[in-house]
Amino acid sequence: MQAKFDTIGLVVRKDMQSHLGTINQVTSVLERHAKVLVHCLDFDTPTTDFATESMQTLVDQSDLVISLGGDGTLLTAARALVDKDTPLLGINMGRLGFLADVSIDDFETHLEEVVGGKYTVEKRFFIEGEFHSPNQPVSKNIALNDIILHSHESVSMIEYEVFSDGKLIHQQRADGVIVTTPTGSTAYALSGGGPIMHPSLETLAIVPVCPHTLSNRPIVLSAHQEIEIHLSQPGSSAQVNYDGRSTVIMENKDSIRINRYPRPLNLLHPQDYDYFEILRAKLNWSSHY
């Protein structure tokens, strides 16, 4: 039996001040069925159009969280839900998203179905990056899509070594390197020539960004293998990004260890969700030649 949603949290993207009518439209549909809490990302000034809650309050009190924006908004909501079993549904405000797969054009029909118990839940796993440095305490952060190392100076390459469970995979000179989950395999890693991995797979891909050695290719590993990366050129530095955020600076003696996070995200979809249909639409795959 599907869960009943007594309280629904709505996380809306940062530029939604110009779309207050849309927020009110979505909340009015949800309020027919449940109490609604709203959190607006990065509003410059508080809005008087409706009450807003902190992200923590929304996460603690919601039985279902809905992101209203794009895949970036959904990623922010997903990270806030880490260690929670609360399901997450994405409503897309723009072009079709890989994650936020409910279109704003027909959201009402899908929402009515979802609150009525007609939905599926898909498990997506996070990865955790553990950053080690002789000069600062160990820090940790999580990502749903990817963890990326790239040059701290935009015109410079970086030299790095990649290990899996302590064994050297390769030493590379490139603009950067992406460690991606199946969820993130259709994001930045895809533009870097990485493989598309079905979300059901327990795998990670290591994708070099513009490698100096043209024979270098992405490699797919089990998500249960630890990946460790460190810089191999004295005096060099790189930026580390988690889902495009939370940048830290990596120096030559630093390292980052990447592992599958034990608690998954419960990503909710309408019953007619079709992963391959989204791939065809986003990547312009056609059955007509």
Protein backbone atom coordinates (compact mmCIF):
# COMPACT_ATOMS: atom_id res chain seq x y z
CA MET A 1 0.00 0.00 0.00
CA GLN A 2 1.33 3.44 -0.94
CA ALA A 3 2.12 6.00 1.76
CA LYS A 4 -0.28 8.82 2.61
CA PHE A 5 1.19 12.30 2.48
CA ASP A 6 -0.16 14.47 5.32
CA THR A 7 2.48 17.19 4.91
CA ILE A 8 4.12 18.06 1.58
CA GLY A 9 7.20 20.25 1.30
CA LEU A 10 7.72 22.40 -1.79
CA VAL A 11 11.28 23.56 -2.59
CA VAL A 12 11.32 26.24 -5.27
CA ARG A 13 14.27 27.49 -7.30
CA LYS A 14 16.09 30.72 -6.54
CA ASP A 15 14.65 32.88 -9.34
CA MET A 16 11.03 32.09 -8.53
CA GLN A 17 10.22 35.60 -7.32
CA SER A 18 9.21 36.27 -10.91
CA HIS A 19 6.98 33.17 -10.89
CA LEU A 20 4.94 33.65 -7.73
CA GLY A 21 1.77 32.82 -9.63
CA THR A 22 3.16 29.39 -10.48
CA ILE A 23 4.07 28.73 -6.84
CA ASN A 24 0.57 29.68 -5.75
CA GLN A 25 -0.92 27.47 -8.47
CA VAL A 26 1.08 24.44 -7.35
CA THR A 27 0.45 25.01 -3.65
CA SER A 28 -3.28 25.41 -4.22
CA VAL A 29 -3.41 21.98 -5.89
CA LEU A 30 -1.40 20.40 -3.08
CA GLU A 31 -3.47 22.04 -0.34
CA ARG A 32 -6.52 20.10 -1.50
CA HIS A 33 -4.83 17.01 -0.11
CA ALA A 34 -2.25 17.96 2.53
CA LYS A 35 -0.61 20.64 4.61
CA VAL A 36 1.99 22.42 2.45
CA LEU A 37 5.34 23.88 3.58
CA VAL A 38 7.31 26.08 1.17
CA HIS A 39 11.03 26.83 1.10
CA CYS A 40 12.37 29.28 -1.49
CA LEU A 41 16.05 28.96 -2.41
CA ASP A 42 18.13 32.12 -2.08
CA PHE A 43 15.38 34.72 -2.13
CA ASP A 44 17.11 38.10 -1.83
CA THR A 45 14.28 39.48 0.29
CA PRO A 46 11.49 37.71 2.19
CA THR A 47 8.25 37.42 0.27
CA THR A 48 4.92 38.43 1.76
CA ASP A 49 2.92 36.47 -0.82
CA PHE A 50 3.03 33.25 1.21
CA ALA A 51 4.64 31.83 4.33
CA THR A 52 8.05 30.20 3.90
CA GLU A 53 9.91 27.74 6.09
CA SER A 54 13.57 26.91 6.57
CA MET A 55 14.88 23.93 4.64
CA GLN A 56 15.49 22.05 7.88
CA THR A 57 11.91 22.56 9.08
CA LEU A 58 10.56 21.48 5.71
CA VAL A 59 12.71 18.33 5.64
CA ASP A 60 11.90 17.39 9.24
CA GLN A 61 8.13 17.76 8.87
CA SER A 62 7.34 16.63 5.30
CA ASP A 63 6.12 13.20 4.22
CA LEU A 64 6.86 14.10 0.59
CA VAL A 65 9.14 16.79 -0.83
CA ILE A 66 8.54 18.30 -4.28
CA SER A 67 11.13 20.42 -6.08
CA LEU A 68 9.84 23.15 -8.37
CA GLY A 69 12.47 24.31 -10.85
CA GLY A 70 14.93 22.11 -12.71
CA ASP A 71 17.42 19.37 -12.02
CA GLY A 72 19.60 21.79 -10.03
CA THR A 73 16.74 22.53 -7.64
CA LEU A 74 16.09 18.82 -7.25
CA LEU A 75 19.77 18.17 -6.47
CA THR A 76 19.65 20.79 -3.71
CA ALA A 77 16.53 19.20 -2.23
CA ALA A 78 18.08 15.72 -2.53
CA ARG A 79 21.16 16.70 -0.54
CA ALA A 80 18.93 18.19 2.15
CA LEU A 81 17.10 14.85 2.38
CA VAL A 82 20.21 12.74 2.93
CA ASP A 83 19.63 10.19 5.72
CA LYS A 84 15.88 10.66 5.34
CA ASP A 85 13.46 8.14 3.83
CA THR A 86 11.23 10.97 2.57
CA PRO A 87 10.50 10.59 -1.17
CA LEU A 88 11.33 13.40 -3.60
CA LEU A 89 9.42 14.38 -6.77
CA GLY A 90 10.60 16.94 -9.33
CA ILE A 91 8.41 19.38 -11.27
CA ASN A 92 10.33 20.92 -14.14
CA MET A 93 9.83 24.61 -14.88
CA GLY A 94 11.77 24.66 -18.14
CA ARG A 95 13.00 22.05 -20.54
CA LEU A 96 12.50 18.40 -19.77
CA GLY A 97 14.84 17.28 -17.01
CA PHE A 98 16.55 13.97 -16.41
CA LEU A 99 15.57 14.11 -12.72
CA ALA A 100 12.71 16.60 -12.49
CA ASP A 101 10.52 14.70 -14.91
CA VAL A 102 7.04 16.16 -14.30
CA SER A 103 6.34 19.01 -16.70
CA ILE A 104 4.76 22.17 -15.32
CA ASP A 105 2.40 22.05 -18.31
CA ASP A 106 0.57 18.98 -16.99
CA PHE A 107 1.67 18.93 -13.34
CA GLU A 108 -1.87 18.98 -11.92
CA THR A 109 -2.79 15.60 -13.42
CA HIS A 110 0.42 14.02 -12.16
CA LEU A 111 0.10 15.54 -8.69
CA GLU A 112 -3.46 14.29 -8.34
CA GLU A 113 -2.24 10.80 -9.26
CA VAL A 114 0.73 10.95 -6.89
CA VAL A 115 -1.22 12.09 -3.82
CA GLY A 116 -3.78 9.45 -4.74
CA GLY A 117 -1.11 6.76 -4.42
CA LYS A 118 -0.33 6.21 -8.10
CA TYR A 119 3.46 6.49 -8.28
CA THR A 120 6.69 4.49 -8.27
CA VAL A 121 9.75 4.99 -6.09
CA GLU A 122 13.27 4.54 -7.44
CA LYS A 123 16.40 4.24 -5.29
CA ARG A 124 19.28 6.50 -6.31
CA PHE A 125 22.57 6.42 -4.39
CA PHE A 126 24.78 9.29 -3.27
CA ILE A 127 28.56 9.32 -3.19
CA GLU A 128 30.61 10.80 -0.36
CA GLY A 129 33.92 12.54 -0.82
CA GLU A 130 36.28 12.49 2.15
CA PHE A 131 38.86 15.24 1.75
CA HIS A 132 42.22 14.72 3.47
CA SER A 133 44.78 17.48 3.90
CA PRO A 134 47.84 17.82 6.17
CA ASN A 135 46.92 21.47 6.74
CA GLN A 136 43.23 21.19 7.69
CA PRO A 137 40.77 18.79 9.33
CA VAL A 138 39.23 16.00 7.30
CA SER A 139 36.02 17.21 5.62
CA LYS A 140 33.19 15.26 4.04
CA ASN A 141 30.49 16.13 1.54
CA ILE A 142 28.00 14.23 -0.58
CA ALA A 143 26.85 14.36 -4.18
CA LEU A 144 24.03 12.73 -6.10
CA ASN A 145 25.47 13.44 -9.55
CA ASP A 146 29.23 13.72 -9.40
CA ILE A 147 32.41 14.82 -7.69
CA ILE A 148 34.72 16.76 -10.00
CA LEU A 149 38.36 17.85 -9.81
CA HIS A 150 39.36 20.55 -12.24
CA SER A 151 42.10 23.08 -12.69
CA HIS A 152 42.19 25.91 -10.17
CA GLU A 153 43.56 28.04 -13.00
CA SER A 154 41.27 27.97 -16.01
CA VAL A 155 44.08 27.72 -18.59
CA SER A 156 46.11 25.01 -16.86
CA MET A 157 45.93 21.23 -16.87
CA ILE A 158 46.30 19.19 -13.70
CA GLU A 159 48.27 16.00 -13.15
CA TYR A 160 46.60 13.43 -10.92
CA GLU A 161 46.67 9.77 -9.95
CA VAL A 162 43.56 7.64 -9.52
CA PHE A 163 43.44 4.55 -7.32
CA SER A 164 40.74 1.94 -6.80
CA ASP A 165 40.86 0.06 -3.50
CA GLY A 166 44.50 1.09 -3.20
CA LYS A 167 45.53 -0.05 -6.69
CA LEU A 168 46.74 2.49 -9.24
CA ILE A 169 44.43 2.86 -12.25
CA HIS A 170 46.34 5.58 -14.06
CA GLN A 171 48.30 8.80 -13.83
CA GLN A 172 46.79 11.43 -16.06
CA ARG A 173 47.27 14.97 -17.29
CA ALA A 174 43.95 16.61 -18.14
CA ASP A 175 41.71 19.59 -17.52
CA GLY A 176 40.08 17.57 -14.75
CA VAL A 177 38.40 14.31 -13.80
CA ILE A 178 34.78 13.42 -13.03
CA VAL A 179 33.65 10.63 -10.73
CA THR A 180 29.99 10.13 -11.58
CA THR A 181 27.11 8.04 -10.35
CA PRO A 182 24.56 6.58 -12.79
CA THR A 183 22.35 9.57 -11.91
CA GLY A 184 25.11 11.98 -12.94
CA SER A 185 26.11 10.03 -16.04
CA THR A 186 23.69 12.14 -18.11
CA ALA A 187 25.08 15.41 -16.71
CA TYR A 188 28.60 16.88 -17.12
CA ALA A 189 30.16 13.42 -17.57
CA LEU A 190 28.06 12.86 -20.70
CA SER A 191 29.47 15.96 -22.38
CA GLY A 192 32.94 14.68 -21.48
CA GLY A 193 32.37 11.46 -23.41
CA GLY A 194 31.36 9.33 -20.45
CA PRO A 195 28.98 6.37 -20.65
CA ILE A 196 25.27 6.52 -19.90
CA MET A 197 24.67 4.21 -16.94
CA HIS A 198 21.17 3.00 -16.13
CA PRO A 199 20.02 4.29 -12.70
CA SER A 200 19.53 0.74 -11.42
CA LEU A 201 23.27 -0.01 -11.69
CA GLU A 202 25.59 -0.01 -8.67
CA THR A 203 28.46 1.54 -10.60
CA LEU A 204 30.69 4.61 -10.78
CA ALA A 205 32.46 5.99 -13.83
CA ILE A 206 35.77 7.85 -13.88
CA VAL A 207 35.72 10.31 -16.78
CA PRO A 208 38.79 12.42 -17.65
CA VAL A 209 38.07 15.93 -18.90
CA CYS A 210 40.03 16.69 -22.10
CA PRO A 211 42.88 14.26 -21.30
CA HIS A 212 46.31 14.96 -22.74
CA THR A 213 46.64 11.26 -23.62
CA LEU A 214 44.08 10.63 -26.31
CA SER A 215 44.05 6.89 -25.63
CA ASN A 216 42.64 7.50 -22.16
CA ARG A 217 39.02 6.46 -21.86
CA PRO A 218 36.35 6.51 -19.14
CA ILE A 219 36.29 3.45 -16.91
CA VAL A 220 33.31 1.99 -15.05
CA LEU A 221 33.83 0.40 -11.62
CA SER A 222 31.68 -1.15 -8.94
CA ALA A 223 30.22 1.51 -6.65
CA HIS A 224 31.49 -0.57 -3.73
CA GLN A 225 35.13 0.11 -4.64
CA GLU A 226 36.78 3.11 -3.01
CA ILE A 227 38.23 5.63 -5.46
CA GLU A 228 41.10 7.83 -4.32
CA ILE A 229 42.53 10.77 -6.25
CA HIS A 230 45.46 13.02 -5.48
CA LEU A 231 47.54 15.51 -7.42
CA SER A 232 50.92 14.26 -8.64
CA GLN A 233 52.64 17.51 -9.62
CA PRO A 234 54.42 19.50 -6.86
CA GLY A 235 53.04 22.99 -6.37
CA SER A 236 49.83 22.33 -8.27
CA SER A 237 46.27 22.88 -7.05
CA ALA A 238 42.75 21.98 -8.14
CA GLN A 239 39.16 22.70 -7.23
CA VAL A 240 36.87 19.95 -5.94
CA ASN A 241 33.15 20.33 -6.59
CA TYR A 242 30.26 18.26 -5.27
CA ASP A 243 27.31 18.48 -7.68
CA GLY A 244 28.82 21.74 -8.92
CA ARG A 245 28.90 23.24 -5.42
CA SER A 246 30.81 23.19 -2.14
CA THR A 247 34.17 23.94 -3.72
CA VAL A 248 37.34 23.12 -1.81
CA ILE A 249 40.90 23.71 -2.97
CA MET A 250 43.13 20.65 -3.29
CA GLU A 251 46.90 20.97 -3.02
CA ASN A 252 49.64 18.54 -3.99
CA LYS A 253 49.70 16.59 -0.69
CA ASP A 254 45.92 16.44 -0.36
CA SER A 255 43.70 13.55 -1.40
CA ILE A 256 40.03 12.77 -1.81
CA ARG A 257 38.48 9.35 -1.16
CA ILE A 258 35.15 8.65 -2.80
CA ASN A 259 32.73 5.96 -1.64
CA ARG A 260 29.11 4.99 -2.16
CA TYR A 261 27.01 6.57 0.59
CA PRO A 262 25.05 3.94 2.53
CA ARG A 263 21.65 5.69 2.59
CA PRO A 264 19.84 6.13 -0.78
CA LEU A 265 17.53 8.82 -2.07
CA ASN A 266 13.92 7.78 -2.72
CA LEU A 267 13.15 9.44 -6.06
CA LEU A 268 9.44 9.39 -6.82
CA HIS A 269 8.01 9.19 -10.34
CA PRO A 270 4.51 9.16 -11.83
CA GLN A 271 3.37 5.69 -12.83
CA ASP A 272 3.93 6.36 -16.54
CA TYR A 273 7.62 7.29 -16.00
CA ASP A 274 9.88 5.88 -18.71
CA TYR A 275 13.64 6.47 -18.37
CA PHE A 276 14.33 5.65 -22.01
CA GLU A 277 11.61 8.02 -23.19
CA ILE A 278 13.40 10.82 -21.33
CA LEU A 279 16.71 9.82 -22.92
CA ARG A 280 15.15 9.92 -26.37
CA ALA A 281 13.63 13.33 -25.75
CA LYS A 282 16.68 14.94 -24.12
CA LEU A 283 19.27 13.50 -26.49
CA ASN A 284 17.13 13.88 -29.59
CA TRP A 285 17.21 10.18 -30.36
CA SER A 286 14.72 9.48 -33.09
CA SER A 287 13.13 6.32 -34.42
CA HIS A 288 12.78 7.99 -37.84
CA TYR A 289 15.67 7.94 -40.28
